[in-house]
């Protein structure tokens, strides 16, 4: 005869296994559904030439948006806050550097890399153009600006997640997953910097203190060094899409 306490433990174990199995099943189904939705949004017009023409038109739209953002960035040189000239100029410069680096690597990817063939990828590209515009034009609050940089890295991460959902062929999957991890790390780090600045310095507004200077330096490092690991990952072409903007 089995003691009651052992029966209770067995029931608890069965319940835990059942809940775990249910959770895994739900997650697996959700993952399959997301993969299916992403893959249905791949550009497929039934003809490779038509697909290439549509992709070319979409890339031209992104190029035009880059030109608009870069042009507005130069115009902002006439609107630097004289009361905080140095800090405002530095914020404008790092914003412009982020956009120029993005332009460089995006067009390098469209020429040397494989094709970008998913509607969601182009959608993220367009959202990134909006974020770049905000980086250059909304410099009145450093707290807000740091969160915008975090949003930029978040969109980079989402871009790579979409690529994973497209299930690229081996060994390209390893590269895409590695790039996804890099983007996630940079997003989390930029978010921590933004939260640190917000918690410690928010009462000081725009005044440049030691802490705010440290945060600004950290953002410079994030923007500049981000491209290094991504470039190493994509040194060789892969058969999915070009590098994220």
C-alpha atoms as a PDB file:
ATOM      1  CA  UNK A   1       0.000   0.000   0.000  1.00  0.00           C
ATOM      2  CA  UNK A   2       1.376   3.415  -1.040  1.00  0.00           C
ATOM      3  CA  UNK A   3       1.549   6.016   1.773  1.00  0.00           C
ATOM      4  CA  UNK A   4      -0.689   9.113   1.280  1.00  0.00           C
ATOM      5  CA  UNK A   5       2.259  11.537   1.242  1.00  0.00           C
ATOM      6  CA  UNK A   6       3.875   9.642  -1.657  1.00  0.00           C
ATOM      7  CA  UNK A   7       0.573   9.681  -3.556  1.00  0.00           C
ATOM      8  CA  UNK A   8       0.353  13.434  -3.043  1.00  0.00           C
ATOM      9  CA  UNK A   9       3.898  13.941  -4.341  1.00  0.00           C
ATOM     10  CA  UNK A  10       3.117  11.863  -7.421  1.00  0.00           C
ATOM     11  CA  UNK A  11      -0.007  13.893  -8.126  1.00  0.00           C
ATOM     12  CA  UNK A  12       1.965  17.132  -7.717  1.00  0.00           C
ATOM     13  CA  UNK A  13       4.661  15.868 -10.084  1.00  0.00           C
ATOM     14  CA  UNK A  14       2.067  14.837 -12.657  1.00  0.00           C
ATOM     15  CA  UNK A  15       0.447  18.251 -12.357  1.00  0.00           C
ATOM     16  CA  UNK A  16       3.764  20.039 -12.851  1.00  0.00           C
ATOM     17  CA  UNK A  17       4.595  17.890 -15.875  1.00  0.00           C
ATOM     18  CA  UNK A  18       1.138  18.563 -17.285  1.00  0.00           C
ATOM     19  CA  UNK A  19       1.464  22.327 -16.869  1.00  0.00           C
ATOM     20  CA  UNK A  20       4.965  22.297 -18.342  1.00  0.00           C
ATOM     21  CA  UNK A  21       3.797  20.251 -21.307  1.00  0.00           C
ATOM     22  CA  UNK A  22       0.861  22.597 -21.843  1.00  0.00           C
ATOM     23  CA  UNK A  23       3.130  25.643 -21.711  1.00  0.00           C
ATOM     24  CA  UNK A  24       5.582  24.111 -24.183  1.00  0.00           C
ATOM     25  CA  UNK A  25       2.718  23.178 -26.483  1.00  0.00           C
ATOM     26  CA  UNK A  26       1.282  26.708 -26.427  1.00  0.00           C
ATOM     27  CA  UNK A  27       4.692  28.289 -27.058  1.00  0.00           C
ATOM     28  CA  UNK A  28       5.382  25.876 -29.918  1.00  0.00           C
ATOM     29  CA  UNK A  29       2.042  26.642 -31.547  1.00  0.00           C
ATOM     30  CA  UNK A  30       2.561  30.385 -31.185  1.00  0.00           C
ATOM     31  CA  UNK A  31       6.040  30.078 -32.671  1.00  0.00           C
ATOM     32  CA  UNK A  32       4.708  28.069 -35.613  1.00  0.00           C
ATOM     33  CA  UNK A  33       1.977  30.650 -36.186  1.00  0.00           C
ATOM     34  CA  UNK A  34       4.455  33.560 -36.132  1.00  0.00           C
ATOM     35  CA  UNK A  35       6.762  31.736 -38.541  1.00  0.00           C
ATOM     36  CA  UNK A  36       3.820  31.073 -40.860  1.00  0.00           C
ATOM     37  CA  UNK A  37       2.667  34.724 -40.831  1.00  0.00           C
ATOM     38  CA  UNK A  38       6.171  36.044 -41.519  1.00  0.00           C
ATOM     39  CA  UNK A  39       6.746  33.618 -44.369  1.00  0.00           C
ATOM     40  CA  UNK A  40       3.388  34.508 -45.929  1.00  0.00           C
ATOM     41  CA  UNK A  41       4.589  38.112 -46.103  1.00  0.00           C
ATOM     42  CA  UNK A  42       7.581  37.156 -48.248  1.00  0.00           C
ATOM     43  CA  UNK A  43       7.540  38.968 -51.582  1.00  0.00           C
ATOM     44  CA  UNK A  44       6.470  36.370 -54.117  1.00  0.00           C
ATOM     45  CA  UNK A  45       4.733  37.613 -57.258  1.00  0.00           C
ATOM     46  CA  UNK A  46       5.217  34.343 -59.080  1.00  0.00           C
ATOM     47  CA  UNK A  47       8.081  35.645 -61.200  1.00  0.00           C
ATOM     48  CA  UNK A  48      11.675  36.324 -60.140  1.00  0.00           C
ATOM     49  CA  UNK A  49      11.957  39.388 -62.400  1.00  0.00           C
ATOM     50  CA  UNK A  50       8.825  40.915 -60.909  1.00  0.00           C
ATOM     51  CA  UNK A  51      10.121  40.179 -57.415  1.00  0.00           C
ATOM     52  CA  UNK A  52      13.421  41.879 -58.244  1.00  0.00           C
ATOM     53  CA  UNK A  53      11.636  44.919 -59.681  1.00  0.00           C
ATOM     54  CA  UNK A  54       9.406  45.279 -56.634  1.00  0.00           C
ATOM     55  CA  UNK A  55      12.367  44.867 -54.274  1.00  0.00           C
ATOM     56  CA  UNK A  56      14.263  47.522 -56.206  1.00  0.00           C
ATOM     57  CA  UNK A  57      11.346  49.959 -55.888  1.00  0.00           C
ATOM     58  CA  UNK A  58      11.117  49.281 -52.150  1.00  0.00           C
ATOM     59  CA  UNK A  59      14.835  49.891 -51.681  1.00  0.00           C
ATOM     60  CA  UNK A  60      14.501  53.151 -53.598  1.00  0.00           C
ATOM     61  CA  UNK A  61      11.837  54.268 -51.120  1.00  0.00           C
ATOM     62  CA  UNK A  62      14.193  53.554 -48.217  1.00  0.00           C
ATOM     63  CA  UNK A  63      16.970  55.441 -50.040  1.00  0.00           C
ATOM     64  CA  UNK A  64      14.687  58.465 -50.477  1.00  0.00           C
ATOM     65  CA  UNK A  65      13.814  58.394 -46.783  1.00  0.00           C
ATOM     66  CA  UNK A  66      17.522  58.283 -45.942  1.00  0.00           C
ATOM     67  CA  UNK A  67      18.071  61.368 -48.113  1.00  0.00           C
ATOM     68  CA  UNK A  68      15.244  63.222 -46.376  1.00  0.00           C
ATOM     69  CA  UNK A  69      16.567  62.396 -42.900  1.00  0.00           C
ATOM     70  CA  UNK A  70      20.148  63.328 -43.809  1.00  0.00           C
ATOM     71  CA  UNK A  71      19.004  66.596 -45.400  1.00  0.00           C
ATOM     72  CA  UNK A  72      16.983  67.546 -42.341  1.00  0.00           C
ATOM     73  CA  UNK A  73      19.989  66.665 -40.203  1.00  0.00           C
ATOM     74  CA  UNK A  74      22.164  69.239 -41.953  1.00  0.00           C
ATOM     75  CA  UNK A  75      19.416  71.827 -41.621  1.00  0.00           C
ATOM     76  CA  UNK A  76      19.434  71.305 -37.849  1.00  0.00           C
ATOM     77  CA  UNK A  77      22.876  72.928 -37.693  1.00  0.00           C
ATOM     78  CA  UNK A  78      20.999  76.236 -37.900  1.00  0.00           C
ATOM     79  CA  UNK A  79      18.901  75.381 -34.839  1.00  0.00           C
ATOM     80  CA  UNK A  80      21.457  74.418 -32.206  1.00  0.00           C
ATOM     81  CA  UNK A  81      20.483  75.563 -28.716  1.00  0.00           C
ATOM     82  CA  UNK A  82      22.883  78.392 -27.880  1.00  0.00           C
ATOM     83  CA  UNK A  83      22.274  77.976 -24.153  1.00  0.00           C
ATOM     84  CA  UNK A  84      23.597  74.406 -24.318  1.00  0.00           C
ATOM     85  CA  UNK A  85      25.698  74.687 -27.466  1.00  0.00           C
ATOM     86  CA  UNK A  86      28.289  71.969 -26.766  1.00  0.00           C
ATOM     87  CA  UNK A  87      25.852  69.328 -25.524  1.00  0.00           C
ATOM     88  CA  UNK A  88      23.317  70.028 -28.278  1.00  0.00           C
ATOM     89  CA  UNK A  89      26.015  69.896 -30.969  1.00  0.00           C
ATOM     90  CA  UNK A  90      27.336  66.582 -29.620  1.00  0.00           C
ATOM     91  CA  UNK A  91      23.838  65.107 -29.618  1.00  0.00           C
ATOM     92  CA  UNK A  92      23.327  66.234 -33.208  1.00  0.00           C
ATOM     93  CA  UNK A  93      26.683  64.806 -34.287  1.00  0.00           C
ATOM     94  CA  UNK A  94      26.082  61.360 -32.776  1.00  0.00           C
ATOM     95  CA  UNK A  95      22.603  61.275 -34.285  1.00  0.00           C
ATOM     96  CA  UNK A  96      24.017  62.123 -37.677  1.00  0.00           C
ATOM     97  CA  UNK A  97      26.769  59.508 -37.276  1.00  0.00           C
ATOM     98  CA  UNK A  98      24.131  56.865 -36.519  1.00  0.00           C
ATOM     99  CA  UNK A  99      22.212  57.743 -39.690  1.00  0.00           C
ATOM    100  CA  UNK A 100      25.305  57.903 -41.921  1.00  0.00           C
ATOM    101  CA  UNK A 101      26.580  54.535 -40.658  1.00  0.00           C
ATOM    102  CA  UNK A 102      23.154  53.052 -41.230  1.00  0.00           C
ATOM    103  CA  UNK A 103      23.058  54.464 -44.768  1.00  0.00           C
ATOM    104  CA  UNK A 104      26.529  53.071 -45.510  1.00  0.00           C
ATOM    105  CA  UNK A 105      25.872  49.531 -44.302  1.00  0.00           C
ATOM    106  CA  UNK A 106      22.363  49.369 -45.756  1.00  0.00           C
ATOM    107  CA  UNK A 107      23.540  50.242 -49.257  1.00  0.00           C
ATOM    108  CA  UNK A 108      26.574  48.010 -48.888  1.00  0.00           C
ATOM    109  CA  UNK A 109      24.172  45.185 -48.096  1.00  0.00           C
ATOM    110  CA  UNK A 110      21.908  45.901 -51.064  1.00  0.00           C
ATOM    111  CA  UNK A 111      24.895  45.787 -53.438  1.00  0.00           C
ATOM    112  CA  UNK A 112      27.094  43.039 -51.994  1.00  0.00           C
ATOM    113  CA  UNK A 113      24.549  41.048 -50.043  1.00  0.00           C
ATOM    114  CA  UNK A 114      21.490  38.968 -50.853  1.00  0.00           C
ATOM    115  CA  UNK A 115      17.967  40.249 -51.409  1.00  0.00           C
ATOM    116  CA  UNK A 116      15.538  41.692 -48.908  1.00  0.00           C
ATOM    117  CA  UNK A 117      12.259  39.972 -49.735  1.00  0.00           C
ATOM    118  CA  UNK A 118       9.790  40.402 -46.897  1.00  0.00           C
ATOM    119  CA  UNK A 119       7.194  43.110 -46.305  1.00  0.00           C
ATOM    120  CA  UNK A 120       7.927  43.208 -42.572  1.00  0.00           C
ATOM    121  CA  UNK A 121      11.615  43.882 -43.197  1.00  0.00           C
ATOM    122  CA  UNK A 122      10.788  46.926 -45.324  1.00  0.00           C
ATOM    123  CA  UNK A 123       8.288  48.029 -42.672  1.00  0.00           C
ATOM    124  CA  UNK A 124      10.988  47.934 -39.996  1.00  0.00           C
ATOM    125  CA  UNK A 125      13.289  49.871 -42.345  1.00  0.00           C
ATOM    126  CA  UNK A 126      10.663  52.623 -42.627  1.00  0.00           C
ATOM    127  CA  UNK A 127      10.152  52.720 -38.853  1.00  0.00           C
ATOM    128  CA  UNK A 128      13.906  53.090 -38.466  1.00  0.00           C
ATOM    129  CA  UNK A 129      13.818  56.145 -40.724  1.00  0.00           C
ATOM    130  CA  UNK A 130      11.304  57.697 -38.317  1.00  0.00           C
ATOM    131  CA  UNK A 131      13.561  56.872 -35.372  1.00  0.00           C
ATOM    132  CA  UNK A 132      16.545  58.434 -37.154  1.00  0.00           C
ATOM    133  CA  UNK A 133      14.524  61.594 -37.753  1.00  0.00           C
ATOM    134  CA  UNK A 134      13.668  61.706 -34.040  1.00  0.00           C
ATOM    135  CA  UNK A 135      17.329  61.246 -33.070  1.00  0.00           C
ATOM    136  CA  UNK A 136      18.291  64.326 -35.050  1.00  0.00           C
ATOM    137  CA  UNK A 137      15.305  66.565 -34.360  1.00  0.00           C
ATOM    138  CA  UNK A 138      14.261  65.771 -30.759  1.00  0.00           C
ATOM    139  CA  UNK A 139      17.284  66.801 -28.724  1.00  0.00           C
ATOM    140  CA  UNK A 140      15.465  68.887 -26.122  1.00  0.00           C
ATOM    141  CA  UNK A 141      15.497  66.121 -23.513  1.00  0.00           C
ATOM    142  CA  UNK A 142      18.449  63.783 -23.081  1.00  0.00           C
ATOM    143  CA  UNK A 143      16.291  61.331 -21.126  1.00  0.00           C
ATOM    144  CA  UNK A 144      13.882  61.035 -24.037  1.00  0.00           C
ATOM    145  CA  UNK A 145      16.712  60.848 -26.552  1.00  0.00           C
ATOM    146  CA  UNK A 146      18.346  57.911 -24.784  1.00  0.00           C
ATOM    147  CA  UNK A 147      15.098  55.952 -24.975  1.00  0.00           C
ATOM    148  CA  UNK A 148      14.930  56.734 -28.699  1.00  0.00           C
ATOM    149  CA  UNK A 149      18.382  55.175 -29.115  1.00  0.00           C
ATOM    150  CA  UNK A 150      17.115  52.141 -27.218  1.00  0.00           C
ATOM    151  CA  UNK A 151      14.178  51.986 -29.653  1.00  0.00           C
ATOM    152  CA  UNK A 152      16.668  52.022 -32.541  1.00  0.00           C
ATOM    153  CA  UNK A 153      18.487  48.960 -31.218  1.00  0.00           C
ATOM    154  CA  UNK A 154      15.130  47.328 -30.466  1.00  0.00           C
ATOM    155  CA  UNK A 155      14.142  47.645 -34.129  1.00  0.00           C
ATOM    156  CA  UNK A 156      17.504  46.197 -35.146  1.00  0.00           C
ATOM    157  CA  UNK A 157      16.685  43.180 -32.968  1.00  0.00           C
ATOM    158  CA  UNK A 158      13.173  42.836 -34.406  1.00  0.00           C
ATOM    159  CA  UNK A 159      14.683  42.948 -37.912  1.00  0.00           C
ATOM    160  CA  UNK A 160      16.848  39.921 -37.154  1.00  0.00           C
ATOM    161  CA  UNK A 161      13.967  38.088 -35.472  1.00  0.00           C
ATOM    162  CA  UNK A 162      11.998  38.405 -38.704  1.00  0.00           C
ATOM    163  CA  UNK A 163      14.902  36.857 -40.561  1.00  0.00           C
ATOM    164  CA  UNK A 164      14.948  33.931 -38.138  1.00  0.00           C
ATOM    165  CA  UNK A 165      11.241  33.395 -38.773  1.00  0.00           C
ATOM    166  CA  UNK A 166      12.042  33.129 -42.476  1.00  0.00           C
ATOM    167  CA  UNK A 167      14.119  30.053 -41.582  1.00  0.00           C
ATOM    168  CA  UNK A 168      17.253  30.689 -43.668  1.00  0.00           C
ATOM    169  CA  UNK A 169      19.172  27.610 -44.855  1.00  0.00           C
ATOM    170  CA  UNK A 170      22.144  26.242 -42.933  1.00  0.00           C
ATOM    171  CA  UNK A 171      24.763  27.483 -42.112  1.00  0.00           C
ATOM    172  CA  UNK A 172      23.109  30.889 -42.535  1.00  0.00           C
ATOM    173  CA  UNK A 173      20.814  30.230 -39.574  1.00  0.00           C
ATOM    174  CA  UNK A 174      23.776  30.395 -37.182  1.00  0.00           C
ATOM    175  CA  UNK A 175      24.819  33.784 -38.554  1.00  0.00           C
ATOM    176  CA  UNK A 176      21.317  35.206 -38.288  1.00  0.00           C
ATOM    177  CA  UNK A 177      20.884  33.918 -34.721  1.00  0.00           C
ATOM    178  CA  UNK A 178      24.276  35.317 -33.730  1.00  0.00           C
ATOM    179  CA  UNK A 179      23.346  38.704 -35.192  1.00  0.00           C
ATOM    180  CA  UNK A 180      20.052  38.521 -33.301  1.00  0.00           C
ATOM    181  CA  UNK A 181      21.914  37.972 -30.018  1.00  0.00           C
ATOM    182  CA  UNK A 182      24.220  40.911 -30.741  1.00  0.00           C
ATOM    183  CA  UNK A 183      21.250  43.192 -31.426  1.00  0.00           C
ATOM    184  CA  UNK A 184      19.473  42.002 -28.276  1.00  0.00           C
ATOM    185  CA  UNK A 185      22.567  42.698 -26.159  1.00  0.00           C
ATOM    186  CA  UNK A 186      22.922  46.202 -27.563  1.00  0.00           C
ATOM    187  CA  UNK A 187      19.213  46.883 -27.050  1.00  0.00           C
ATOM    188  CA  UNK A 188      19.313  45.773 -23.407  1.00  0.00           C
ATOM    189  CA  UNK A 189      22.511  47.728 -22.749  1.00  0.00           C
ATOM    190  CA  UNK A 190      21.119  50.912 -24.309  1.00  0.00           C
ATOM    191  CA  UNK A 191      17.901  50.472 -22.324  1.00  0.00           C
ATOM    192  CA  UNK A 192      19.866  50.097 -19.077  1.00  0.00           C
ATOM    193  CA  UNK A 193      21.806  53.272 -19.871  1.00  0.00           C
ATOM    194  CA  UNK A 194      18.556  55.132 -20.541  1.00  0.00           C
ATOM    195  CA  UNK A 195      17.008  53.885 -17.286  1.00  0.00           C
ATOM    196  CA  UNK A 196      20.167  54.721 -15.326  1.00  0.00           C
ATOM    197  CA  UNK A 197      20.177  58.259 -16.654  1.00  0.00           C
ATOM    198  CA  UNK A 198      16.440  58.696 -16.071  1.00  0.00           C
ATOM    199  CA  UNK A 199      16.572  57.487 -12.447  1.00  0.00           C
ATOM    200  CA  UNK A 200      19.690  59.403 -11.429  1.00  0.00           C
ATOM    201  CA  UNK A 201      19.543  62.663 -13.348  1.00  0.00           C
ATOM    202  CA  UNK A 202      15.962  63.347 -14.409  1.00  0.00           C
ATOM    203  CA  UNK A 203      15.531  66.291 -11.950  1.00  0.00           C
ATOM    204  CA  UNK A 204      18.490  68.098 -13.561  1.00  0.00           C
ATOM    205  CA  UNK A 205      16.871  68.412 -16.984  1.00  0.00           C
ATOM    206  CA  UNK A 206      19.353  69.287 -19.732  1.00  0.00           C
ATOM    207  CA  UNK A 207      22.277  70.291 -17.528  1.00  0.00           C
ATOM    208  CA  UNK A 208      25.450  68.377 -18.329  1.00  0.00           C
ATOM    209  CA  UNK A 209      26.763  66.615 -15.220  1.00  0.00           C
ATOM    210  CA  UNK A 210      29.339  63.889 -14.795  1.00  0.00           C
ATOM    211  CA  UNK A 211      26.656  61.188 -15.012  1.00  0.00           C
ATOM    212  CA  UNK A 212      25.078  62.636 -18.138  1.00  0.00           C
ATOM    213  CA  UNK A 213      28.502  62.935 -19.769  1.00  0.00           C
ATOM    214  CA  UNK A 214      29.111  59.259 -18.987  1.00  0.00           C
ATOM    215  CA  UNK A 215      25.773  58.326 -20.554  1.00  0.00           C
ATOM    216  CA  UNK A 216      26.504  60.405 -23.644  1.00  0.00           C
ATOM    217  CA  UNK A 217      29.914  58.748 -24.004  1.00  0.00           C
ATOM    218  CA  UNK A 218      28.291  55.333 -23.636  1.00  0.00           C
ATOM    219  CA  UNK A 219      25.849  56.121 -26.445  1.00  0.00           C
ATOM    220  CA  UNK A 220      28.736  57.196 -28.674  1.00  0.00           C
ATOM    221  CA  UNK A 221      30.452  53.875 -27.975  1.00  0.00           C
ATOM    222  CA  UNK A 222      27.276  51.875 -28.623  1.00  0.00           C
ATOM    223  CA  UNK A 223      26.621  53.560 -31.961  1.00  0.00           C
ATOM    224  CA  UNK A 224      30.220  53.269 -33.153  1.00  0.00           C
ATOM    225  CA  UNK A 225      31.060  49.780 -31.898  1.00  0.00           C
ATOM    226  CA  UNK A 226      27.733  48.193 -32.836  1.00  0.00           C
ATOM    227  CA  UNK A 227      28.740  47.930 -36.488  1.00  0.00           C
ATOM    228  CA  UNK A 228      31.935  46.033 -35.699  1.00  0.00           C
ATOM    229  CA  UNK A 229      30.436  42.699 -34.519  1.00  0.00           C
ATOM    230  CA  UNK A 230      27.645  42.879 -37.089  1.00  0.00           C
ATOM    231  CA  UNK A 231      30.160  43.421 -39.894  1.00  0.00           C
ATOM    232  CA  UNK A 232      32.186  40.417 -38.744  1.00  0.00           C
ATOM    233  CA  UNK A 233      29.097  38.225 -38.750  1.00  0.00           C
ATOM    234  CA  UNK A 234      28.141  39.250 -42.278  1.00  0.00           C
ATOM    235  CA  UNK A 235      31.589  39.330 -43.848  1.00  0.00           C
ATOM    236  CA  UNK A 236      30.360  36.663 -46.273  1.00  0.00           C
ATOM    237  CA  UNK A 237      27.090  36.840 -48.151  1.00  0.00           C
ATOM    238  CA  UNK A 238      24.157  34.837 -46.885  1.00  0.00           C
ATOM    239  CA  UNK A 239      21.070  33.761 -48.746  1.00  0.00           C
ATOM    240  CA  UNK A 240      18.386  35.641 -46.902  1.00  0.00           C
ATOM    241  CA  UNK A 241      18.397  39.442 -46.727  1.00  0.00           C
ATOM    242  CA  UNK A 242      20.958  42.248 -46.443  1.00  0.00           C
ATOM    243  CA  UNK A 243      22.071  43.701 -43.180  1.00  0.00           C
ATOM    244  CA  UNK A 244      19.532  45.722 -41.199  1.00  0.00           C
ATOM    245  CA  UNK A 245      19.554  49.475 -41.454  1.00  0.00           C
END
